[in-house]
Amino acid sequence: QVQLVESGGGLVQAGGSLRLSCVVSGSPRSINVMRWFRQAPGKEREQIATIGAYGTTDYTDYASSVKGRFTISRDKSKNTAFLQMNSLKPEDTGVYSCKAEDGVFVHWGYGTQVTVSS
């Protein structure tokens, strides 16, 4: 059974930083793409960062709302993705969850809460 566990959320002041982790376990296939999403209170879930690979070269993509402030990375050997979040704003508050894609199935974590105070 594939499990994704996010961690690293918490309460931070505006302008601060957090680093989220997403660990994938139990996958019988290689994880090709990992994505981070967030859902703010009263809003729809938003895809904010993606990391995948063209051959041996990773590519990344970001929503305009986080570009230049957030960085997605991963450790393939540990099936772990990270989201470094800098210059946090109150509007970054929400539940952050990750999604792993193995080319056949997609898997979701339950998320971690990030709260940015003004």
PDB file of N, CA and C in Angstrom:
ATOM      1  N   GLN A   1       0.839  -1.180   0.000  1.00  0.00           N
ATOM      2  CA  GLN A   1       0.000   0.000   0.000  1.00  0.00           C
ATOM      3  C   GLN A   1       0.887   1.246   0.000  1.00  0.00           C
ATOM      4  N   VAL A   2       0.616   2.128  -0.947  1.00  0.00           N
ATOM      5  CA  VAL A   2       1.427   3.337  -1.063  1.00  0.00           C
ATOM      6  C   VAL A   2       0.939   4.370  -0.043  1.00  0.00           C
ATOM      7  N   GLN A   3       1.884   4.954   0.651  1.00  0.00           N
ATOM      8  CA  GLN A   3       1.552   6.004   1.615  1.00  0.00           C
ATOM      9  C   GLN A   3       2.416   7.230   1.359  1.00  0.00           C
ATOM     10  N   LEU A   4       1.804   8.391   1.494  1.00  0.00           N
ATOM     11  CA  LEU A   4       2.514   9.660   1.430  1.00  0.00           C
ATOM     12  C   LEU A   4       2.308  10.368   2.762  1.00  0.00           C
ATOM     13  N   VAL A   5       3.393  10.828   3.329  1.00  0.00           N
ATOM     14  CA  VAL A   5       3.310  11.526   4.603  1.00  0.00           C
ATOM     15  C   VAL A   5       4.014  12.870   4.472  1.00  0.00           C
ATOM     16  N   GLU A   6       3.230  13.924   4.661  1.00  0.00           N
ATOM     17  CA  GLU A   6       3.792  15.275   4.633  1.00  0.00           C
ATOM     18  C   GLU A   6       4.154  15.717   6.042  1.00  0.00           C
ATOM     19  N   SER A   7       5.175  16.543   6.149  1.00  0.00           N
ATOM     20  CA  SER A   7       5.568  17.097   7.434  1.00  0.00           C
ATOM     21  C   SER A   7       6.229  18.447   7.209  1.00  0.00           C
ATOM     22  N   GLY A   8       6.417  19.172   8.303  1.00  0.00           N
ATOM     23  CA  GLY A   8       7.122  20.440   8.223  1.00  0.00           C
ATOM     24  C   GLY A   8       6.237  21.669   8.314  1.00  0.00           C
ATOM     25  N   GLY A   9       4.937  21.463   8.351  1.00  0.00           N
ATOM     26  CA  GLY A   9       4.044  22.602   8.476  1.00  0.00           C
ATOM     27  C   GLY A   9       4.099  23.195   9.866  1.00  0.00           C
ATOM     28  N   GLY A  10       3.420  24.330  10.020  1.00  0.00           N
ATOM     29  CA  GLY A  10       3.379  24.979  11.317  1.00  0.00           C
ATOM     30  C   GLY A  10       2.948  26.410  11.201  1.00  0.00           C
ATOM     31  N   LEU A  11       3.185  27.142  12.267  1.00  0.00           N
ATOM     32  CA  LEU A  11       2.835  28.562  12.347  1.00  0.00           C
ATOM     33  C   LEU A  11       4.106  29.388  12.187  1.00  0.00           C
ATOM     34  N   VAL A  12       4.052  30.355  11.285  1.00  0.00           N
ATOM     35  CA  VAL A  12       5.217  31.191  11.033  1.00  0.00           C
ATOM     36  C   VAL A  12       4.747  32.619  10.786  1.00  0.00           C
ATOM     37  N   GLN A  13       5.581  33.568  11.107  1.00  0.00           N
ATOM     38  CA  GLN A  13       5.247  34.960  10.841  1.00  0.00           C
ATOM     39  C   GLN A  13       5.481  35.296   9.372  1.00  0.00           C
ATOM     40  N   ALA A  14       4.774  36.276   8.897  1.00  0.00           N
ATOM     41  CA  ALA A  14       4.969  36.739   7.520  1.00  0.00           C
ATOM     42  C   ALA A  14       6.440  37.102   7.304  1.00  0.00           C
ATOM     43  N   GLY A  15       6.950  36.691   6.162  1.00  0.00           N
ATOM     44  CA  GLY A  15       8.355  36.902   5.856  1.00  0.00           C
ATOM     45  C   GLY A  15       9.244  35.740   6.238  1.00  0.00           C
ATOM     46  N   GLY A  16       8.698  34.809   6.987  1.00  0.00           N
ATOM     47  CA  GLY A  16       9.470  33.666   7.440  1.00  0.00           C
ATOM     48  C   GLY A  16       9.521  32.549   6.407  1.00  0.00           C
ATOM     49  N   SER A  17      10.125  31.436   6.827  1.00  0.00           N
ATOM     50  CA  SER A  17      10.322  30.302   5.931  1.00  0.00           C
ATOM     51  C   SER A  17       9.901  29.009   6.600  1.00  0.00           C
ATOM     52  N   LEU A  18       9.510  28.064   5.772  1.00  0.00           N
ATOM     53  CA  LEU A  18       9.242  26.694   6.199  1.00  0.00           C
ATOM     54  C   LEU A  18       9.720  25.749   5.109  1.00  0.00           C
ATOM     55  N   ARG A  19      10.057  24.535   5.520  1.00  0.00           N
ATOM     56  CA  ARG A  19      10.433  23.515   4.544  1.00  0.00           C
ATOM     57  C   ARG A  19       9.551  22.304   4.766  1.00  0.00           C
ATOM     58  N   LEU A  20       8.772  21.978   3.776  1.00  0.00           N
ATOM     59  CA  LEU A  20       7.889  20.827   3.849  1.00  0.00           C
ATOM     60  C   LEU A  20       8.568  19.607   3.229  1.00  0.00           C
ATOM     61  N   SER A  21       8.228  18.446   3.754  1.00  0.00           N
ATOM     62  CA  SER A  21       8.715  17.185   3.199  1.00  0.00           C
ATOM     63  C   SER A  21       7.538  16.280   2.889  1.00  0.00           C
ATOM     64  N   CYS A  22       7.706  15.452   1.879  1.00  0.00           N
ATOM     65  CA  CYS A  22       6.697  14.461   1.518  1.00  0.00           C
ATOM     66  C   CYS A  22       7.418  13.154   1.237  1.00  0.00           C
ATOM     67  N   VAL A  23       7.201  12.173   2.086  1.00  0.00           N
ATOM     68  CA  VAL A  23       7.858  10.881   1.946  1.00  0.00           C
ATOM     69  C   VAL A  23       6.871   9.872   1.378  1.00  0.00           C
ATOM     70  N   VAL A  24       7.285   9.202   0.313  1.00  0.00           N
ATOM     71  CA  VAL A  24       6.476   8.166  -0.327  1.00  0.00           C
ATOM     72  C   VAL A  24       7.029   6.810   0.069  1.00  0.00           C
ATOM     73  N   SER A  25       6.164   5.934   0.544  1.00  0.00           N
ATOM     74  CA  SER A  25       6.595   4.586   0.901  1.00  0.00           C
ATOM     75  C   SER A  25       5.642   3.563   0.294  1.00  0.00           C
ATOM     76  N   GLY A  26       6.174   2.369   0.050  1.00  0.00           N
ATOM     77  CA  GLY A  26       5.348   1.258  -0.413  1.00  0.00           C
ATOM     78  C   GLY A  26       5.041   1.252  -1.890  1.00  0.00           C
ATOM     79  N   SER A  27       5.697   2.118  -2.666  1.00  0.00           N
ATOM     80  CA  SER A  27       5.381   2.149  -4.100  1.00  0.00           C
ATOM     81  C   SER A  27       6.141   1.050  -4.848  1.00  0.00           C
ATOM     82  N   PRO A  28       5.431   0.222  -5.619  1.00  0.00           N
ATOM     83  CA  PRO A  28       6.115  -0.818  -6.395  1.00  0.00           C
ATOM     84  C   PRO A  28       6.740  -0.276  -7.672  1.00  0.00           C
ATOM     85  N   ARG A  29       6.420   0.920  -8.037  1.00  0.00           N
ATOM     86  CA  ARG A  29       6.944   1.549  -9.255  1.00  0.00           C
ATOM     87  C   ARG A  29       7.689   2.831  -8.918  1.00  0.00           C
ATOM     88  N   SER A  30       8.543   3.254  -9.833  1.00  0.00           N
ATOM     89  CA  SER A  30       9.258   4.513  -9.633  1.00  0.00           C
ATOM     90  C   SER A  30       8.281   5.680  -9.701  1.00  0.00           C
ATOM     91  N   ILE A  31       8.507   6.646  -8.847  1.00  0.00           N
ATOM     92  CA  ILE A  31       7.691   7.854  -8.858  1.00  0.00           C
ATOM     93  C   ILE A  31       8.259   8.798  -9.916  1.00  0.00           C
ATOM     94  N   ASN A  32       7.418   9.130 -10.903  1.00  0.00           N
ATOM     95  CA  ASN A  32       7.888   9.980 -11.992  1.00  0.00           C
ATOM     96  C   ASN A  32       7.748  11.456 -11.677  1.00  0.00           C
ATOM     97  N   VAL A  33       6.616  11.815 -11.157  1.00  0.00           N
ATOM     98  CA  VAL A  33       6.282  13.219 -10.942  1.00  0.00           C
ATOM     99  C   VAL A  33       5.746  13.389  -9.531  1.00  0.00           C
ATOM    100  N   MET A  34       6.173  14.469  -8.887  1.00  0.00           N
ATOM    101  CA  MET A  34       5.595  14.814  -7.591  1.00  0.00           C
ATOM    102  C   MET A  34       5.130  16.269  -7.655  1.00  0.00           C
ATOM    103  N   ARG A  35       4.003  16.495  -7.029  1.00  0.00           N
ATOM    104  CA  ARG A  35       3.402  17.831  -7.052  1.00  0.00           C
ATOM    105  C   ARG A  35       2.997  18.248  -5.649  1.00  0.00           C
ATOM    106  N   TRP A  36       3.061  19.522  -5.404  1.00  0.00           N
ATOM    107  CA  TRP A  36       2.539  20.093  -4.169  1.00  0.00           C
ATOM    108  C   TRP A  36       1.292  20.909  -4.504  1.00  0.00           C
ATOM    109  N   PHE A  37       0.302  20.758  -3.647  1.00  0.00           N
ATOM    110  CA  PHE A  37      -0.947  21.501  -3.744  1.00  0.00           C
ATOM    111  C   PHE A  37      -1.178  22.213  -2.421  1.00  0.00           C
ATOM    112  N   ARG A  38      -2.019  23.200  -2.467  1.00  0.00           N
ATOM    113  CA  ARG A  38      -2.464  23.807  -1.214  1.00  0.00           C
ATOM    114  C   ARG A  38      -3.943  24.175  -1.356  1.00  0.00           C
ATOM    115  N   GLN A  39      -4.604  24.162  -0.219  1.00  0.00           N
ATOM    116  CA  GLN A  39      -6.001  24.568  -0.183  1.00  0.00           C
ATOM    117  C   GLN A  39      -6.187  25.559   0.948  1.00  0.00           C
ATOM    118  N   ALA A  40      -6.499  26.778   0.580  1.00  0.00           N
ATOM    119  CA  ALA A  40      -6.746  27.818   1.567  1.00  0.00           C
ATOM    120  C   ALA A  40      -8.193  27.709   2.040  1.00  0.00           C
ATOM    121  N   PRO A  41      -8.467  28.218   3.225  1.00  0.00           N
ATOM    122  CA  PRO A  41      -9.843  28.162   3.743  1.00  0.00           C
ATOM    123  C   PRO A  41     -10.828  28.795   2.768  1.00  0.00           C
ATOM    124  N   GLY A  42     -11.871  28.046   2.426  1.00  0.00           N
ATOM    125  CA  GLY A  42     -12.908  28.575   1.558  1.00  0.00           C
ATOM    126  C   GLY A  42     -12.549  28.635   0.091  1.00  0.00           C
ATOM    127  N   LYS A  43     -11.383  28.088  -0.274  1.00  0.00           N
ATOM    128  CA  LYS A  43     -10.953  28.148  -1.669  1.00  0.00           C
ATOM    129  C   LYS A  43     -10.714  26.750  -2.216  1.00  0.00           C
ATOM    130  N   GLU A  44     -10.632  26.668  -3.539  1.00  0.00           N
ATOM    131  CA  GLU A  44     -10.356  25.383  -4.171  1.00  0.00           C
ATOM    132  C   GLU A  44      -8.878  25.034  -4.029  1.00  0.00           C
ATOM    133  N   ARG A  45      -8.603  23.736  -4.138  1.00  0.00           N
ATOM    134  CA  ARG A  45      -7.218  23.293  -4.079  1.00  0.00           C
ATOM    135  C   ARG A  45      -6.456  23.816  -5.291  1.00  0.00           C
ATOM    136  N   GLU A  46      -5.237  24.254  -5.047  1.00  0.00           N
ATOM    137  CA  GLU A  46      -4.408  24.892  -6.071  1.00  0.00           C
ATOM    138  C   GLU A  46      -3.097  24.131  -6.212  1.00  0.00           C
ATOM    139  N   GLN A  47      -2.742  23.789  -7.435  1.00  0.00           N
ATOM    140  CA  GLN A  47      -1.436  23.169  -7.675  1.00  0.00           C
ATOM    141  C   GLN A  47      -0.394  24.271  -7.670  1.00  0.00           C
ATOM    142  N   ILE A  48       0.662  24.118  -6.866  1.00  0.00           N
ATOM    143  CA  ILE A  48       1.628  25.192  -6.734  1.00  0.00           C
ATOM    144  C   ILE A  48       3.026  24.829  -7.213  1.00  0.00           C
ATOM    145  N   ALA A  49       3.387  23.556  -7.226  1.00  0.00           N
ATOM    146  CA  ALA A  49       4.741  23.211  -7.642  1.00  0.00           C
ATOM    147  C   ALA A  49       4.774  21.776  -8.148  1.00  0.00           C
ATOM    148  N   THR A  50       5.583  21.553  -9.170  1.00  0.00           N
ATOM    149  CA  THR A  50       5.729  20.235  -9.798  1.00  0.00           C
ATOM    150  C   THR A  50       7.190  19.953 -10.045  1.00  0.00           C
ATOM    151  N   ILE A  51       7.580  18.707  -9.836  1.00  0.00           N
ATOM    152  CA  ILE A  51       8.915  18.258 -10.223  1.00  0.00           C
ATOM    153  C   ILE A  51       8.779  16.933 -10.943  1.00  0.00           C
ATOM    154  N   GLY A  52       9.396  16.836 -12.096  1.00  0.00           N
ATOM    155  CA  GLY A  52       9.390  15.622 -12.884  1.00  0.00           C
ATOM    156  C   GLY A  52      10.737  15.474 -13.544  1.00  0.00           C
ATOM    157  N   ALA A  53      10.805  14.590 -14.530  1.00  0.00           N
ATOM    158  CA  ALA A  53      12.081  14.362 -15.197  1.00  0.00           C
ATOM    159  C   ALA A  53      11.885  14.096 -16.672  1.00  0.00           C
ATOM    160  N   TYR A  54      12.779  14.670 -17.468  1.00  0.00           N
ATOM    161  CA  TYR A  54      12.923  14.303 -18.866  1.00  0.00           C
ATOM    162  C   TYR A  54      14.210  13.493 -18.928  1.00  0.00           C
ATOM    163  N   GLY A  55      14.079  12.194 -19.016  1.00  0.00           N
ATOM    164  CA  GLY A  55      15.264  11.359 -18.938  1.00  0.00           C
ATOM    165  C   GLY A  55      15.885  11.480 -17.564  1.00  0.00           C
ATOM    166  N   THR A  56      17.109  11.915 -17.507  1.00  0.00           N
ATOM    167  CA  THR A  56      17.819  12.050 -16.236  1.00  0.00           C
ATOM    168  C   THR A  56      17.803  13.482 -15.712  1.00  0.00           C
ATOM    169  N   THR A  57      17.141  14.379 -16.433  1.00  0.00           N
ATOM    170  CA  THR A  57      17.134  15.790 -16.044  1.00  0.00           C
ATOM    171  C   THR A  57      15.799  16.168 -15.428  1.00  0.00           C
ATOM    172  N   ASP A  58      15.847  16.701 -14.212  1.00  0.00           N
ATOM    173  CA  ASP A  58      14.626  17.132 -13.545  1.00  0.00           C
ATOM    174  C   ASP A  58      14.134  18.454 -14.141  1.00  0.00           C
ATOM    175  N   TYR A  59      12.845  18.623 -14.165  1.00  0.00           N
ATOM    176  CA  TYR A  59      12.249  19.915 -14.505  1.00  0.00           C
ATOM    177  C   TYR A  59      11.326  20.315 -13.374  1.00  0.00           C
ATOM    178  N   THR A  60      11.094  21.608 -13.250  1.00  0.00           N
ATOM    179  CA  THR A  60      10.195  22.108 -12.224  1.00  0.00           C
ATOM    180  C   THR A  60       9.242  23.133 -12.829  1.00  0.00           C
ATOM    181  N   ASP A  61       8.122  23.301 -12.171  1.00  0.00           N
ATOM    182  CA  ASP A  61       7.130  24.265 -12.622  1.00  0.00           C
ATOM    183  C   ASP A  61       6.415  24.799 -11.407  1.00  0.00           C
ATOM    184  N   TYR A  62       6.035  26.084 -11.465  1.00  0.00           N
ATOM    185  CA  TYR A  62       5.436  26.735 -10.310  1.00  0.00           C
ATOM    186  C   TYR A  62       4.217  27.565 -10.716  1.00  0.00           C
ATOM    187  N   ALA A  63       3.291  27.661  -9.794  1.00  0.00           N
ATOM    188  CA  ALA A  63       2.200  28.610  -9.975  1.00  0.00           C
ATOM    189  C   ALA A  63       2.754  30.017  -9.837  1.00  0.00           C
ATOM    190  N   SER A  64       2.138  30.951 -10.521  1.00  0.00           N
ATOM    191  CA  SER A  64       2.643  32.321 -10.480  1.00  0.00           C
ATOM    192  C   SER A  64       2.600  32.895  -9.064  1.00  0.00           C
ATOM    193  N   SER A  65       1.681  32.387  -8.252  1.00  0.00           N
ATOM    194  CA  SER A  65       1.526  32.911  -6.891  1.00  0.00           C
ATOM    195  C   SER A  65       2.712  32.581  -5.991  1.00  0.00           C
ATOM    196  N   VAL A  66       3.507  31.594  -6.367  1.00  0.00           N
ATOM    197  CA  VAL A  66       4.625  31.184  -5.508  1.00  0.00           C
ATOM    198  C   VAL A  66       5.976  31.267  -6.214  1.00  0.00           C
ATOM    199  N   LYS A  67       5.975  31.517  -7.496  1.00  0.00           N
ATOM    200  CA  LYS A  67       7.226  31.536  -8.259  1.00  0.00           C
ATOM    201  C   LYS A  67       8.171  32.582  -7.687  1.00  0.00           C
ATOM    202  N   GLY A  68       9.420  32.170  -7.512  1.00  0.00           N
ATOM    203  CA  GLY A  68      10.430  33.068  -6.951  1.00  0.00           C
ATOM    204  C   GLY A  68      10.519  33.016  -5.439  1.00  0.00           C
ATOM    205  N   ARG A  69       9.533  32.410  -4.797  1.00  0.00           N
ATOM    206  CA  ARG A  69       9.550  32.300  -3.332  1.00  0.00           C
ATOM    207  C   ARG A  69       9.638  30.849  -2.882  1.00  0.00           C
ATOM    208  N   PHE A  70       9.053  29.951  -3.623  1.00  0.00           N
ATOM    209  CA  PHE A  70       9.034  28.529  -3.263  1.00  0.00           C
ATOM    210  C   PHE A  70       9.954  27.754  -4.210  1.00  0.00           C
ATOM    211  N   THR A  71      10.566  26.701  -3.668  1.00  0.00           N
ATOM    212  CA  THR A  71      11.424  25.827  -4.480  1.00  0.00           C
ATOM    213  C   THR A  71      11.084  24.382  -4.180  1.00  0.00           C
ATOM    214  N   ILE A  72      10.774  23.630  -5.224  1.00  0.00           N
ATOM    215  CA  ILE A  72      10.516  22.204  -5.071  1.00  0.00           C
ATOM    216  C   ILE A  72      11.779  21.441  -5.438  1.00  0.00           C
ATOM    217  N   SER A  73      12.050  20.379  -4.698  1.00  0.00           N
ATOM    218  CA  SER A  73      13.189  19.523  -4.988  1.00  0.00           C
ATOM    219  C   SER A  73      12.838  18.116  -4.539  1.00  0.00           C
ATOM    220  N   ARG A  74      13.716  17.170  -4.833  1.00  0.00           N
ATOM    221  CA  ARG A  74      13.453  15.812  -4.378  1.00  0.00           C
ATOM    222  C   ARG A  74      14.733  15.023  -4.244  1.00  0.00           C
ATOM    223  N   ASP A  75      14.635  13.994  -3.435  1.00  0.00           N
ATOM    224  CA  ASP A  75      15.680  13.000  -3.266  1.00  0.00           C
ATOM    225  C   ASP A  75      15.080  11.694  -3.770  1.00  0.00           C
ATOM    226  N   LYS A  76      15.434  11.326  -5.003  1.00  0.00           N
ATOM    227  CA  LYS A  76      14.831  10.136  -5.604  1.00  0.00           C
ATOM    228  C   LYS A  76      15.183   8.885  -4.824  1.00  0.00           C
ATOM    229  N   SER A  77      16.396   8.837  -4.275  1.00  0.00           N
ATOM    230  CA  SER A  77      16.824   7.638  -3.555  1.00  0.00           C
ATOM    231  C   SER A  77      15.971   7.391  -2.320  1.00  0.00           C
ATOM    232  N   LYS A  78      15.365   8.462  -1.794  1.00  0.00           N
ATOM    233  CA  LYS A  78      14.546   8.336  -0.593  1.00  0.00           C
ATOM    234  C   LYS A  78      13.067   8.549  -0.890  1.00  0.00           C
ATOM    235  N   ASN A  79      12.715   8.673  -2.189  1.00  0.00           N
ATOM    236  CA  ASN A  79      11.312   8.904  -2.576  1.00  0.00           C
ATOM    237  C   ASN A  79      10.705  10.037  -1.767  1.00  0.00           C
ATOM    238  N   THR A  80      11.456  11.107  -1.667  1.00  0.00           N
ATOM    239  CA  THR A  80      11.025  12.246  -0.858  1.00  0.00           C
ATOM    240  C   THR A  80      11.070  13.523  -1.693  1.00  0.00           C
ATOM    241  N   ALA A  81      10.036  14.318  -1.577  1.00  0.00           N
ATOM    242  CA  ALA A  81      10.001  15.629  -2.203  1.00  0.00           C
ATOM    243  C   ALA A  81       9.982  16.687  -1.115  1.00  0.00           C
ATOM    244  N   PHE A  82      10.526  17.840  -1.449  1.00  0.00           N
ATOM    245  CA  PHE A  82      10.604  18.939  -0.503  1.00  0.00           C
ATOM    246  C   PHE A  82       9.980  20.185  -1.132  1.00  0.00           C
ATOM    247  N   LEU A  83       9.515  21.056  -0.265  1.00  0.00           N
ATOM    248  CA  LEU A  83       9.052  22.357  -0.727  1.00  0.00           C
ATOM    249  C   LEU A  83       9.622  23.401   0.230  1.00  0.00           C
ATOM    250  N   GLN A  84      10.615  24.134  -0.248  1.00  0.00           N
ATOM    251  CA  GLN A  84      11.194  25.221   0.532  1.00  0.00           C
ATOM    252  C   GLN A  84      10.369  26.469   0.269  1.00  0.00           C
ATOM    253  N   MET A  85       9.824  27.020   1.316  1.00  0.00           N
ATOM    254  CA  MET A  85       8.942  28.182   1.193  1.00  0.00           C
ATOM    255  C   MET A  85       9.566  29.365   1.910  1.00  0.00           C
ATOM    256  N   ASN A  86       9.889  30.389   1.162  1.00  0.00           N
ATOM    257  CA  ASN A  86      10.497  31.600   1.716  1.00  0.00           C
ATOM    258  C   ASN A  86       9.567  32.792   1.519  1.00  0.00           C
ATOM    259  N   SER A  87       9.848  33.853   2.236  1.00  0.00           N
ATOM    260  CA  SER A  87       9.063  35.088   2.129  1.00  0.00           C
ATOM    261  C   SER A  87       7.566  34.791   2.221  1.00  0.00           C
ATOM    262  N   LEU A  88       7.203  34.030   3.209  1.00  0.00           N
ATOM    263  CA  LEU A  88       5.814  33.606   3.337  1.00  0.00           C
ATOM    264  C   LEU A  88       4.889  34.790   3.617  1.00  0.00           C
ATOM    265  N   LYS A  89       3.687  34.678   3.077  1.00  0.00           N
ATOM    266  CA  LYS A  89       2.676  35.719   3.226  1.00  0.00           C
ATOM    267  C   LYS A  89       1.439  35.122   3.899  1.00  0.00           C
ATOM    268  N   PRO A  90       0.617  35.937   4.521  1.00  0.00           N
ATOM    269  CA  PRO A  90      -0.618  35.401   5.122  1.00  0.00           C
ATOM    270  C   PRO A  90      -1.478  34.645   4.122  1.00  0.00           C
ATOM    271  N   GLU A  91      -1.464  35.047   2.866  1.00  0.00           N
ATOM    272  CA  GLU A  91      -2.276  34.354   1.870  1.00  0.00           C
ATOM    273  C   GLU A  91      -1.704  32.989   1.489  1.00  0.00           C
ATOM    274  N   ASP A  92      -0.537  32.633   2.002  1.00  0.00           N
ATOM    275  CA  ASP A  92       0.002  31.287   1.798  1.00  0.00           C
ATOM    276  C   ASP A  92      -0.595  30.290   2.788  1.00  0.00           C
ATOM    277  N   THR A  93      -1.377  30.765   3.718  1.00  0.00           N
ATOM    278  CA  THR A  93      -1.994  29.884   4.709  1.00  0.00           C
ATOM    279  C   THR A  93      -2.897  28.864   4.039  1.00  0.00           C
ATOM    280  N   GLY A  94      -2.790  27.612   4.508  1.00  0.00           N
ATOM    281  CA  GLY A  94      -3.633  26.558   3.964  1.00  0.00           C
ATOM    282  C   GLY A  94      -3.096  25.192   4.319  1.00  0.00           C
ATOM    283  N   VAL A  95      -3.770  24.167   3.820  1.00  0.00           N
ATOM    284  CA  VAL A  95      -3.315  22.796   3.967  1.00  0.00           C
ATOM    285  C   VAL A  95      -2.522  22.426   2.723  1.00  0.00           C
ATOM    286  N   TYR A  96      -1.287  22.013   2.944  1.00  0.00           N
ATOM    287  CA  TYR A  96      -0.389  21.665   1.851  1.00  0.00           C
ATOM    288  C   TYR A  96      -0.310  20.146   1.745  1.00  0.00           C
ATOM    289  N   SER A  97      -0.585  19.641   0.558  1.00  0.00           N
ATOM    290  CA  SER A  97      -0.545  18.200   0.357  1.00  0.00           C
ATOM    291  C   SER A  97       0.283  17.876  -0.878  1.00  0.00           C
ATOM    292  N   CYS A  98       0.794  16.655  -0.921  1.00  0.00           N
ATOM    293  CA  CYS A  98       1.591  16.257  -2.071  1.00  0.00           C
ATOM    294  C   CYS A  98       0.926  15.110  -2.815  1.00  0.00           C
ATOM    295  N   LYS A  99       1.289  15.004  -4.060  1.00  0.00           N
ATOM    296  CA  LYS A  99       0.738  13.999  -4.963  1.00  0.00           C
ATOM    297  C   LYS A  99       1.905  13.354  -5.681  1.00  0.00           C
ATOM    298  N   ALA A 100       1.896  12.032  -5.734  1.00  0.00           N
ATOM    299  CA  ALA A 100       2.936  11.290  -6.424  1.00  0.00           C
ATOM    300  C   ALA A 100       2.331  10.514  -7.584  1.00  0.00           C
ATOM    301  N   GLU A 101       3.001  10.545  -8.724  1.00  0.00           N
ATOM    302  CA  GLU A 101       2.508   9.873  -9.923  1.00  0.00           C
ATOM    303  C   GLU A 101       3.562   8.878 -10.396  1.00  0.00           C
ATOM    304  N   ASP A 102       3.113   7.626 -10.642  1.00  0.00           N
ATOM    305  CA  ASP A 102       4.066   6.604 -11.065  1.00  0.00           C
ATOM    306  C   ASP A 102       3.843   6.169 -12.508  1.00  0.00           C
ATOM    307  N   GLY A 103       3.037   6.930 -13.221  1.00  0.00           N
ATOM    308  CA  GLY A 103       2.744   6.601 -14.609  1.00  0.00           C
ATOM    309  C   GLY A 103       1.523   5.736 -14.785  1.00  0.00           C
ATOM    310  N   VAL A 104       1.065   5.127 -13.697  1.00  0.00           N
ATOM    311  CA  VAL A 104      -0.140   4.288 -13.740  1.00  0.00           C
ATOM    312  C   VAL A 104      -1.166   4.824 -12.734  1.00  0.00           C
ATOM    313  N   PHE A 105      -0.708   5.048 -11.530  1.00  0.00           N
ATOM    314  CA  PHE A 105      -1.595   5.525 -10.471  1.00  0.00           C
ATOM    315  C   PHE A 105      -1.100   6.858  -9.934  1.00  0.00           C
ATOM    316  N   VAL A 106      -1.998   7.531  -9.242  1.00  0.00           N
ATOM    317  CA  VAL A 106      -1.629   8.721  -8.492  1.00  0.00           C
ATOM    318  C   VAL A 106      -1.949   8.463  -7.030  1.00  0.00           C
ATOM    319  N   HIS A 107      -1.141   9.062  -6.176  1.00  0.00           N
ATOM    320  CA  HIS A 107      -1.278   8.843  -4.745  1.00  0.00           C
ATOM    321  C   HIS A 107      -1.222  10.189  -4.041  1.00  0.00           C
ATOM    322  N   TRP A 108      -2.020  10.329  -2.997  1.00  0.00           N
ATOM    323  CA  TRP A 108      -2.113  11.592  -2.268  1.00  0.00           C
ATOM    324  C   TRP A 108      -1.766  11.401  -0.799  1.00  0.00           C
ATOM    325  N   GLY A 109      -1.218  12.448  -0.234  1.00  0.00           N
ATOM    326  CA  GLY A 109      -1.049  12.496   1.203  1.00  0.00           C
ATOM    327  C   GLY A 109      -2.214  13.244   1.834  1.00  0.00           C
ATOM    328  N   TYR A 110      -2.245  13.249   3.158  1.00  0.00           N
ATOM    329  CA  TYR A 110      -3.347  13.916   3.862  1.00  0.00           C
ATOM    330  C   TYR A 110      -3.096  15.399   4.076  1.00  0.00           C
ATOM    331  N   GLY A 111      -1.842  15.803   3.987  1.00  0.00           N
ATOM    332  CA  GLY A 111      -1.561  17.220   4.082  1.00  0.00           C
ATOM    333  C   GLY A 111      -0.995  17.652   5.413  1.00  0.00           C
ATOM    334  N   THR A 112      -0.423  18.850   5.408  1.00  0.00           N
ATOM    335  CA  THR A 112       0.113  19.467   6.609  1.00  0.00           C
ATOM    336  C   THR A 112      -0.311  20.931   6.605  1.00  0.00           C
ATOM    337  N   GLN A 113      -0.678  21.423   7.777  1.00  0.00           N
ATOM    338  CA  GLN A 113      -1.202  22.779   7.880  1.00  0.00           C
ATOM    339  C   GLN A 113      -0.069  23.792   7.949  1.00  0.00           C
ATOM    340  N   VAL A 114      -0.192  24.832   7.153  1.00  0.00           N
ATOM    341  CA  VAL A 114       0.724  25.976   7.192  1.00  0.00           C
ATOM    342  C   VAL A 114      -0.108  27.216   7.513  1.00  0.00           C
ATOM    343  N   THR A 115       0.298  27.915   8.545  1.00  0.00           N
ATOM    344  CA  THR A 115      -0.392  29.140   8.929  1.00  0.00           C
ATOM    345  C   THR A 115       0.617  30.265   9.006  1.00  0.00           C
ATOM    346  N   VAL A 116       0.354  31.320   8.264  1.00  0.00           N
ATOM    347  CA  VAL A 116       1.254  32.471   8.229  1.00  0.00           C
ATOM    348  C   VAL A 116       0.534  33.649   8.875  1.00  0.00           C
ATOM    349  N   SER A 117       1.092  34.144   9.950  1.00  0.00           N
ATOM    350  CA  SER A 117       0.477  35.255  10.664  1.00  0.00           C
ATOM    351  C   SER A 117       1.042  36.582  10.164  1.00  0.00           C
ATOM    352  N   SER A 118       0.204  37.592  10.221  1.00  0.00           N
ATOM    353  CA  SER A 118       0.635  38.917   9.735  1.00  0.00           C
ATOM    354  C   SER A 118       1.255  39.741  10.851  1.00  0.00           C
TER     355      SER A 118
END
